[in-house]
Amino acid sequence: VLEVSLGDFVMTGGELAAQAMIDATVRLLPGVLGNAE
């Protein structure tokens, strides 16, 4: 398993961190952003 941190702080659980990382990733998928630039 690859361990990944959202930052140098501790949270109660990984759910919020997961949503933040997914958001940052999904917006890079083709067709998600209206303006590719």
ModelCIF file with pLDDT and N, C-alpha, C, O atoms, coordinates in Angstrom:
data_MODEL
#
_entry.id   MODEL 
#
_entity.id                         1 
_entity.type                       polymer 
_entity.pdbx_number_of_molecules   1 
#
_entity_poly.entity_id                      1 
_entity_poly.type                           'polypeptide(L)' 
_entity_poly.nstd_linkage                   no 
_entity_poly.nstd_monomer                   no 
_entity_poly.pdbx_seq_one_letter_code       VLEVSLGDFVMTGGELAAQAMIDATVRLLPGVLGNAE 
_entity_poly.pdbx_seq_one_letter_code_can   VLEVSLGDFVMTGGELAAQAMIDATVRLLPGVLGNAE 
_entity_poly.pdbx_strand_id                 A 
#
loop_
_entity_poly_seq.entity_id 
_entity_poly_seq.num 
_entity_poly_seq.mon_id 
_entity_poly_seq.hetero 
1 1  VAL n 
1 2  LEU n 
1 3  GLU n 
1 4  VAL n 
1 5  SER n 
1 6  LEU n 
1 7  GLY n 
1 8  ASP n 
1 9  PHE n 
1 10 VAL n 
1 11 MET n 
1 12 THR n 
1 13 GLY n 
1 14 GLY n 
1 15 GLU n 
1 16 LEU n 
1 17 ALA n 
1 18 ALA n 
1 19 GLN n 
1 20 ALA n 
1 21 MET n 
1 22 ILE n 
1 23 ASP n 
1 24 ALA n 
1 25 THR n 
1 26 VAL n 
1 27 ARG n 
1 28 LEU n 
1 29 LEU n 
1 30 PRO n 
1 31 GLY n 
1 32 VAL n 
1 33 LEU n 
1 34 GLY n 
1 35 ASN n 
1 36 ALA n 
1 37 GLU n 
#
_struct_asym.id          A 
_struct_asym.entity_id   1 
#
loop_
_ma_qa_metric.id 
_ma_qa_metric.mode 
_ma_qa_metric.name 
_ma_qa_metric.software_group_id 
_ma_qa_metric.type 
1 global pLDDT . pLDDT 
2 local  pLDDT . pLDDT 
#
_ma_qa_metric_global.metric_id      1 
_ma_qa_metric_global.metric_value   92.49 
_ma_qa_metric_global.model_id       1 
_ma_qa_metric_global.ordinal_id     1 
#
loop_
_ma_qa_metric_local.label_asym_id 
_ma_qa_metric_local.label_comp_id 
_ma_qa_metric_local.label_seq_id 
_ma_qa_metric_local.metric_id 
_ma_qa_metric_local.metric_value 
_ma_qa_metric_local.model_id 
_ma_qa_metric_local.ordinal_id 
A VAL 1  2 98.00 1 1  
A LEU 2  2 98.00 1 2  
A GLU 3  2 98.00 1 3  
A VAL 4  2 98.00 1 4  
A SER 5  2 97.00 1 5  
A LEU 6  2 96.00 1 6  
A GLY 7  2 95.00 1 7  
A ASP 8  2 94.00 1 8  
A PHE 9  2 93.00 1 9  
A VAL 10 2 91.00 1 10 
A MET 11 2 94.00 1 11 
A THR 12 2 94.00 1 12 
A GLY 13 2 96.00 1 13 
A GLY 14 2 97.00 1 14 
A GLU 15 2 98.00 1 15 
A LEU 16 2 97.00 1 16 
A ALA 17 2 97.00 1 17 
A ALA 18 2 98.00 1 18 
A GLN 19 2 98.00 1 19 
A ALA 20 2 98.00 1 20 
A MET 21 2 98.00 1 21 
A ILE 22 2 98.00 1 22 
A ASP 23 2 98.00 1 23 
A ALA 24 2 98.00 1 24 
A THR 25 2 98.00 1 25 
A VAL 26 2 98.00 1 26 
A ARG 27 2 96.00 1 27 
A LEU 28 2 96.00 1 28 
A LEU 29 2 97.00 1 29 
A PRO 30 2 94.00 1 30 
A GLY 31 2 93.00 1 31 
A VAL 32 2 95.00 1 32 
A LEU 33 2 90.00 1 33 
A GLY 34 2 75.00 1 34 
A ASN 35 2 65.00 1 35 
A ALA 36 2 57.00 1 36 
A GLU 37 2 51.00 1 37 
#
loop_
_atom_site.group_PDB 
_atom_site.id 
_atom_site.type_symbol 
_atom_site.label_atom_id 
_atom_site.label_alt_id 
_atom_site.label_comp_id 
_atom_site.label_asym_id 
_atom_site.label_entity_id 
_atom_site.label_seq_id 
_atom_site.pdbx_PDB_ins_code 
_atom_site.Cartn_x 
_atom_site.Cartn_y 
_atom_site.Cartn_z 
_atom_site.occupancy 
_atom_site.B_iso_or_equiv 
_atom_site.pdbx_formal_charge 
_atom_site.auth_seq_id 
_atom_site.auth_comp_id 
_atom_site.auth_asym_id 
_atom_site.auth_atom_id 
_atom_site.pdbx_PDB_model_num 
ATOM 1   N N  . VAL A 1 1  ? 0.834   -1.197 0.000   1.00 98.00 ? 1  VAL A N  1 
ATOM 2   C CA . VAL A 1 1  ? 0.000   0.000  0.000   1.00 98.00 ? 1  VAL A CA 1 
ATOM 3   C C  . VAL A 1 1  ? 0.871   1.251  0.000   1.00 98.00 ? 1  VAL A C  1 
ATOM 4   O O  . VAL A 1 1  ? 1.863   1.326  0.725   1.00 98.00 ? 1  VAL A O  1 
ATOM 5   N N  . LEU A 1 2  ? 0.496   2.226  -0.813  1.00 98.00 ? 2  LEU A N  1 
ATOM 6   C CA . LEU A 1 2  ? 1.181   3.517  -0.860  1.00 98.00 ? 2  LEU A CA 1 
ATOM 7   C C  . LEU A 1 2  ? 0.557   4.442  0.179   1.00 98.00 ? 2  LEU A C  1 
ATOM 8   O O  . LEU A 1 2  ? -0.639  4.727  0.116   1.00 98.00 ? 2  LEU A O  1 
ATOM 9   N N  . GLU A 1 3  ? 1.348   4.907  1.125   1.00 98.00 ? 3  GLU A N  1 
ATOM 10  C CA . GLU A 1 3  ? 0.852   5.841  2.133   1.00 98.00 ? 3  GLU A CA 1 
ATOM 11  C C  . GLU A 1 3  ? 0.981   7.266  1.603   1.00 98.00 ? 3  GLU A C  1 
ATOM 12  O O  . GLU A 1 3  ? 2.041   7.671  1.126   1.00 98.00 ? 3  GLU A O  1 
ATOM 13  N N  . VAL A 1 4  ? -0.116  8.019  1.694   1.00 98.00 ? 4  VAL A N  1 
ATOM 14  C CA . VAL A 1 4  ? -0.153  9.389  1.171   1.00 98.00 ? 4  VAL A CA 1 
ATOM 15  C C  . VAL A 1 4  ? -0.725  10.308 2.236   1.00 98.00 ? 4  VAL A C  1 
ATOM 16  O O  . VAL A 1 4  ? -1.697  9.962  2.906   1.00 98.00 ? 4  VAL A O  1 
ATOM 17  N N  . SER A 1 5  ? -0.125  11.473 2.390   1.00 97.00 ? 5  SER A N  1 
ATOM 18  C CA . SER A 1 5  ? -0.552  12.457 3.377   1.00 97.00 ? 5  SER A CA 1 
ATOM 19  C C  . SER A 1 5  ? -1.067  13.714 2.690   1.00 97.00 ? 5  SER A C  1 
ATOM 20  O O  . SER A 1 5  ? -0.499  14.162 1.695   1.00 97.00 ? 5  SER A O  1 
ATOM 21  N N  . LEU A 1 6  ? -2.137  14.276 3.219   1.00 96.00 ? 6  LEU A N  1 
ATOM 22  C CA . LEU A 1 6  ? -2.648  15.536 2.699   1.00 96.00 ? 6  LEU A CA 1 
ATOM 23  C C  . LEU A 1 6  ? -1.802  16.706 3.174   1.00 96.00 ? 6  LEU A C  1 
ATOM 24  O O  . LEU A 1 6  ? -1.768  17.750 2.523   1.00 96.00 ? 6  LEU A O  1 
ATOM 25  N N  . GLY A 1 7  ? -1.127  16.548 4.289   1.00 95.00 ? 7  GLY A N  1 
ATOM 26  C CA . GLY A 1 7  ? -0.284  17.616 4.821   1.00 95.00 ? 7  GLY A CA 1 
ATOM 27  C C  . GLY A 1 7  ? 0.242   17.255 6.186   1.00 95.00 ? 7  GLY A C  1 
ATOM 28  O O  . GLY A 1 7  ? -0.048  16.181 6.715   1.00 95.00 ? 7  GLY A O  1 
ATOM 29  N N  . ASP A 1 8  ? 1.015   18.155 6.753   1.00 94.00 ? 8  ASP A N  1 
ATOM 30  C CA . ASP A 1 8  ? 1.662   17.890 8.038   1.00 94.00 ? 8  ASP A CA 1 
ATOM 31  C C  . ASP A 1 8  ? 0.744   18.236 9.204   1.00 94.00 ? 8  ASP A C  1 
ATOM 32  O O  . ASP A 1 8  ? 1.016   19.152 9.980   1.00 94.00 ? 8  ASP A O  1 
ATOM 33  N N  . PHE A 1 9  ? -0.338  17.491 9.309   1.00 93.00 ? 9  PHE A N  1 
ATOM 34  C CA . PHE A 1 9  ? -1.280  17.638 10.412  1.00 93.00 ? 9  PHE A CA 1 
ATOM 35  C C  . PHE A 1 9  ? -2.040  16.329 10.543  1.00 93.00 ? 9  PHE A C  1 
ATOM 36  O O  . PHE A 1 9  ? -1.992  15.489 9.644   1.00 93.00 ? 9  PHE A O  1 
ATOM 37  N N  . VAL A 1 10 ? -2.737  16.151 11.649  1.00 91.00 ? 10 VAL A N  1 
ATOM 38  C CA . VAL A 1 10 ? -3.448  14.904 11.920  1.00 91.00 ? 10 VAL A CA 1 
ATOM 39  C C  . VAL A 1 10 ? -4.947  15.175 11.908  1.00 91.00 ? 10 VAL A C  1 
ATOM 40  O O  . VAL A 1 10 ? -5.416  16.134 12.521  1.00 91.00 ? 10 VAL A O  1 
ATOM 41  N N  . MET A 1 11 ? -5.697  14.324 11.205  1.00 94.00 ? 11 MET A N  1 
ATOM 42  C CA . MET A 1 11 ? -7.148  14.438 11.146  1.00 94.00 ? 11 MET A CA 1 
ATOM 43  C C  . MET A 1 11 ? -7.788  13.248 11.853  1.00 94.00 ? 11 MET A C  1 
ATOM 44  O O  . MET A 1 11 ? -7.117  12.259 12.147  1.00 94.00 ? 11 MET A O  1 
ATOM 45  N N  . THR A 1 12 ? -9.079  13.346 12.123  1.00 94.00 ? 12 THR A N  1 
ATOM 46  C CA . THR A 1 12 ? -9.788  12.277 12.814  1.00 94.00 ? 12 THR A CA 1 
ATOM 47  C C  . THR A 1 12 ? -9.867  11.017 11.967  1.00 94.00 ? 12 THR A C  1 
ATOM 48  O O  . THR A 1 12 ? -9.821  9.905  12.494  1.00 94.00 ? 12 THR A O  1 
ATOM 49  N N  . GLY A 1 13 ? -9.982  11.187 10.682  1.00 96.00 ? 13 GLY A N  1 
ATOM 50  C CA . GLY A 1 13 ? -10.062 10.048 9.766   1.00 96.00 ? 13 GLY A CA 1 
ATOM 51  C C  . GLY A 1 13 ? -9.668  10.477 8.369   1.00 96.00 ? 13 GLY A C  1 
ATOM 52  O O  . GLY A 1 13 ? -9.377  11.649 8.129   1.00 96.00 ? 13 GLY A O  1 
ATOM 53  N N  . GLY A 1 14 ? -9.660  9.531  7.449   1.00 97.00 ? 14 GLY A N  1 
ATOM 54  C CA . GLY A 1 14 ? -9.167  9.812  6.108   1.00 97.00 ? 14 GLY A CA 1 
ATOM 55  C C  . GLY A 1 14 ? -10.209 10.287 5.112   1.00 97.00 ? 14 GLY A C  1 
ATOM 56  O O  . GLY A 1 14 ? -9.871  10.569 3.963   1.00 97.00 ? 14 GLY A O  1 
ATOM 57  N N  . GLU A 1 15 ? -11.471 10.382 5.523   1.00 98.00 ? 15 GLU A N  1 
ATOM 58  C CA . GLU A 1 15 ? -12.538 10.680 4.562   1.00 98.00 ? 15 GLU A CA 1 
ATOM 59  C C  . GLU A 1 15 ? -12.392 12.059 3.923   1.00 98.00 ? 15 GLU A C  1 
ATOM 60  O O  . GLU A 1 15 ? -12.516 12.188 2.705   1.00 98.00 ? 15 GLU A O  1 
ATOM 61  N N  . LEU A 1 16 ? -12.133 13.083 4.719   1.00 97.00 ? 16 LEU A N  1 
ATOM 62  C CA . LEU A 1 16 ? -11.983 14.430 4.161   1.00 97.00 ? 16 LEU A CA 1 
ATOM 63  C C  . LEU A 1 16 ? -10.751 14.518 3.265   1.00 97.00 ? 16 LEU A C  1 
ATOM 64  O O  . LEU A 1 16 ? -10.778 15.163 2.217   1.00 97.00 ? 16 LEU A O  1 
ATOM 65  N N  . ALA A 1 17 ? -9.673  13.865 3.689   1.00 97.00 ? 17 ALA A N  1 
ATOM 66  C CA . ALA A 1 17 ? -8.460  13.852 2.874   1.00 97.00 ? 17 ALA A CA 1 
ATOM 67  C C  . ALA A 1 17 ? -8.710  13.150 1.545   1.00 97.00 ? 17 ALA A C  1 
ATOM 68  O O  . ALA A 1 17 ? -8.224  13.589 0.503   1.00 97.00 ? 17 ALA A O  1 
ATOM 69  N N  . ALA A 1 18 ? -9.470  12.055 1.586   1.00 98.00 ? 18 ALA A N  1 
ATOM 70  C CA . ALA A 1 18 ? -9.788  11.318 0.362   1.00 98.00 ? 18 ALA A CA 1 
ATOM 71  C C  . ALA A 1 18 ? -10.575 12.197 -0.604  1.00 98.00 ? 18 ALA A C  1 
ATOM 72  O O  . ALA A 1 18 ? -10.300 12.204 -1.804  1.00 98.00 ? 18 ALA A O  1 
ATOM 73  N N  . GLN A 1 19 ? -11.552 12.935 -0.085  1.00 98.00 ? 19 GLN A N  1 
ATOM 74  C CA . GLN A 1 19 ? -12.349 13.799 -0.950  1.00 98.00 ? 19 GLN A CA 1 
ATOM 75  C C  . GLN A 1 19 ? -11.495 14.897 -1.571  1.00 98.00 ? 19 GLN A C  1 
ATOM 76  O O  . GLN A 1 19 ? -11.664 15.228 -2.745  1.00 98.00 ? 19 GLN A O  1 
ATOM 77  N N  . ALA A 1 20 ? -10.582 15.460 -0.792  1.00 98.00 ? 20 ALA A N  1 
ATOM 78  C CA . ALA A 1 20 ? -9.712  16.508 -1.324  1.00 98.00 ? 20 ALA A CA 1 
ATOM 79  C C  . ALA A 1 20 ? -8.826  15.968 -2.446  1.00 98.00 ? 20 ALA A C  1 
ATOM 80  O O  . ALA A 1 20 ? -8.670  16.613 -3.483  1.00 98.00 ? 20 ALA A O  1 
ATOM 81  N N  . MET A 1 21 ? -8.250  14.789 -2.239  1.00 98.00 ? 21 MET A N  1 
ATOM 82  C CA . MET A 1 21 ? -7.365  14.214 -3.253  1.00 98.00 ? 21 MET A CA 1 
ATOM 83  C C  . MET A 1 21 ? -8.132  13.807 -4.508  1.00 98.00 ? 21 MET A C  1 
ATOM 84  O O  . MET A 1 21 ? -7.642  13.982 -5.623  1.00 98.00 ? 21 MET A O  1 
ATOM 85  N N  . ILE A 1 22 ? -9.334  13.265 -4.324  1.00 98.00 ? 22 ILE A N  1 
ATOM 86  C CA . ILE A 1 22 ? -10.146 12.890 -5.477  1.00 98.00 ? 22 ILE A CA 1 
ATOM 87  C C  . ILE A 1 22 ? -10.525 14.127 -6.273  1.00 98.00 ? 22 ILE A C  1 
ATOM 88  O O  . ILE A 1 22 ? -10.472 14.114 -7.502  1.00 98.00 ? 22 ILE A O  1 
ATOM 89  N N  . ASP A 1 23 ? -10.906 15.190 -5.588  1.00 98.00 ? 23 ASP A N  1 
ATOM 90  C CA . ASP A 1 23 ? -11.265 16.433 -6.267  1.00 98.00 ? 23 ASP A CA 1 
ATOM 91  C C  . ASP A 1 23 ? -10.105 16.938 -7.121  1.00 98.00 ? 23 ASP A C  1 
ATOM 92  O O  . ASP A 1 23 ? -10.293 17.296 -8.283  1.00 98.00 ? 23 ASP A O  1 
ATOM 93  N N  . ALA A 1 24 ? -8.906  16.965 -6.538  1.00 98.00 ? 24 ALA A N  1 
ATOM 94  C CA . ALA A 1 24 ? -7.736  17.447 -7.266  1.00 98.00 ? 24 ALA A CA 1 
ATOM 95  C C  . ALA A 1 24 ? -7.409  16.563 -8.464  1.00 98.00 ? 24 ALA A C  1 
ATOM 96  O O  . ALA A 1 24 ? -6.863  17.039 -9.459  1.00 98.00 ? 24 ALA A O  1 
ATOM 97  N N  . THR A 1 25 ? -7.742  15.274 -8.369  1.00 98.00 ? 25 THR A N  1 
ATOM 98  C CA . THR A 1 25 ? -7.442  14.333 -9.446  1.00 98.00 ? 25 THR A CA 1 
ATOM 99  C C  . THR A 1 25 ? -8.502  14.365 -10.539 1.00 98.00 ? 25 THR A C  1 
ATOM 100 O O  . THR A 1 25 ? -8.174  14.412 -11.724 1.00 98.00 ? 25 THR A O  1 
ATOM 101 N N  . VAL A 1 26 ? -9.768  14.339 -10.145 1.00 98.00 ? 26 VAL A N  1 
ATOM 102 C CA . VAL A 1 26 ? -10.862 14.254 -11.111 1.00 98.00 ? 26 VAL A CA 1 
ATOM 103 C C  . VAL A 1 26 ? -10.882 15.457 -12.044 1.00 98.00 ? 26 VAL A C  1 
ATOM 104 O O  . VAL A 1 26 ? -11.185 15.313 -13.228 1.00 98.00 ? 26 VAL A O  1 
ATOM 105 N N  . ARG A 1 27 ? -10.565 16.631 -11.533 1.00 96.00 ? 27 ARG A N  1 
ATOM 106 C CA . ARG A 1 27 ? -10.618 17.829 -12.374 1.00 96.00 ? 27 ARG A CA 1 
ATOM 107 C C  . ARG A 1 27 ? -9.564  17.796 -13.487 1.00 96.00 ? 27 ARG A C  1 
ATOM 108 O O  . ARG A 1 27 ? -9.607  18.614 -14.406 1.00 96.00 ? 27 ARG A O  1 
ATOM 109 N N  . LEU A 1 28 ? -8.618  16.852 -13.405 1.00 96.00 ? 28 LEU A N  1 
ATOM 110 C CA . LEU A 1 28 ? -7.605  16.702 -14.452 1.00 96.00 ? 28 LEU A CA 1 
ATOM 111 C C  . LEU A 1 28 ? -8.021  15.689 -15.510 1.00 96.00 ? 28 LEU A C  1 
ATOM 112 O O  . LEU A 1 28 ? -7.343  15.540 -16.527 1.00 96.00 ? 28 LEU A O  1 
ATOM 113 N N  . LEU A 1 29 ? -9.140  14.984 -15.276 1.00 97.00 ? 29 LEU A N  1 
ATOM 114 C CA . LEU A 1 29 ? -9.603  14.000 -16.252 1.00 97.00 ? 29 LEU A CA 1 
ATOM 115 C C  . LEU A 1 29 ? -10.165 14.712 -17.484 1.00 97.00 ? 29 LEU A C  1 
ATOM 116 O O  . LEU A 1 29 ? -10.705 15.812 -17.364 1.00 97.00 ? 29 LEU A O  1 
ATOM 117 N N  . PRO A 1 30 ? -10.045 14.101 -18.661 1.00 94.00 ? 30 PRO A N  1 
ATOM 118 C CA . PRO A 1 30 ? -10.538 14.722 -19.891 1.00 94.00 ? 30 PRO A CA 1 
ATOM 119 C C  . PRO A 1 30 ? -12.023 15.065 -19.813 1.00 94.00 ? 30 PRO A C  1 
ATOM 120 O O  . PRO A 1 30 ? -12.849 14.238 -19.427 1.00 94.00 ? 30 PRO A O  1 
ATOM 121 N N  . GLY A 1 31 ? -12.341 16.298 -20.186 1.00 93.00 ? 31 GLY A N  1 
ATOM 122 C CA . GLY A 1 31 ? -13.725 16.716 -20.277 1.00 93.00 ? 31 GLY A CA 1 
ATOM 123 C C  . GLY A 1 31 ? -14.360 17.197 -18.999 1.00 93.00 ? 31 GLY A C  1 
ATOM 124 O O  . GLY A 1 31 ? -15.518 17.614 -19.021 1.00 93.00 ? 31 GLY A O  1 
ATOM 125 N N  . VAL A 1 32 ? -13.644 17.158 -17.865 1.00 95.00 ? 32 VAL A N  1 
ATOM 126 C CA . VAL A 1 32 ? -14.242 17.574 -16.592 1.00 95.00 ? 32 VAL A CA 1 
ATOM 127 C C  . VAL A 1 32 ? -14.272 19.091 -16.470 1.00 95.00 ? 32 VAL A C  1 
ATOM 128 O O  . VAL A 1 32 ? -15.297 19.665 -16.104 1.00 95.00 ? 32 VAL A O  1 
ATOM 129 N N  . LEU A 1 33 ? -13.159 19.738 -16.771 1.00 90.00 ? 33 LEU A N  1 
ATOM 130 C CA . LEU A 1 33 ? -13.122 21.197 -16.758 1.00 90.00 ? 33 LEU A CA 1 
ATOM 131 C C  . LEU A 1 33 ? -13.667 21.737 -18.067 1.00 90.00 ? 33 LEU A C  1 
ATOM 132 O O  . LEU A 1 33 ? -13.363 21.206 -19.135 1.00 90.00 ? 33 LEU A O  1 
ATOM 133 N N  . GLY A 1 34 ? -14.466 22.781 -17.991 1.00 75.00 ? 34 GLY A N  1 
ATOM 134 C CA . GLY A 1 34 ? -15.024 23.360 -19.198 1.00 75.00 ? 34 GLY A CA 1 
ATOM 135 C C  . GLY A 1 34 ? -13.957 23.975 -20.088 1.00 75.00 ? 34 GLY A C  1 
ATOM 136 O O  . GLY A 1 34 ? -14.056 23.906 -21.313 1.00 75.00 ? 34 GLY A O  1 
ATOM 137 N N  . ASN A 1 35 ? -12.938 24.576 -19.486 1.00 65.00 ? 35 ASN A N  1 
ATOM 138 C CA . ASN A 1 35 ? -11.859 25.210 -20.236 1.00 65.00 ? 35 ASN A CA 1 
ATOM 139 C C  . ASN A 1 35 ? -10.568 24.473 -19.919 1.00 65.00 ? 35 ASN A C  1 
ATOM 140 O O  . ASN A 1 35 ? -10.066 24.548 -18.798 1.00 65.00 ? 35 ASN A O  1 
ATOM 141 N N  . ALA A 1 36 ? -10.034 23.767 -20.895 1.00 57.00 ? 36 ALA A N  1 
ATOM 142 C CA . ALA A 1 36 ? -8.832  22.953 -20.674 1.00 57.00 ? 36 ALA A CA 1 
ATOM 143 C C  . ALA A 1 36 ? -7.645  23.802 -20.248 1.00 57.00 ? 36 ALA A C  1 
ATOM 144 O O  . ALA A 1 36 ? -6.743  23.309 -19.571 1.00 57.00 ? 36 ALA A O  1 
ATOM 145 N N  . GLU A 1 37 ? -7.635  25.088 -20.640 1.00 51.00 ? 37 GLU A N  1 
ATOM 146 C CA . GLU A 1 37 ? -6.513  25.950 -20.285 1.00 51.00 ? 37 GLU A CA 1 
ATOM 147 C C  . GLU A 1 37 ? -6.490  26.249 -18.796 1.00 51.00 ? 37 GLU A C  1 
ATOM 148 O O  . GLU A 1 37 ? -5.607  26.964 -18.324 1.00 51.00 ? 37 GLU A O  1 
#
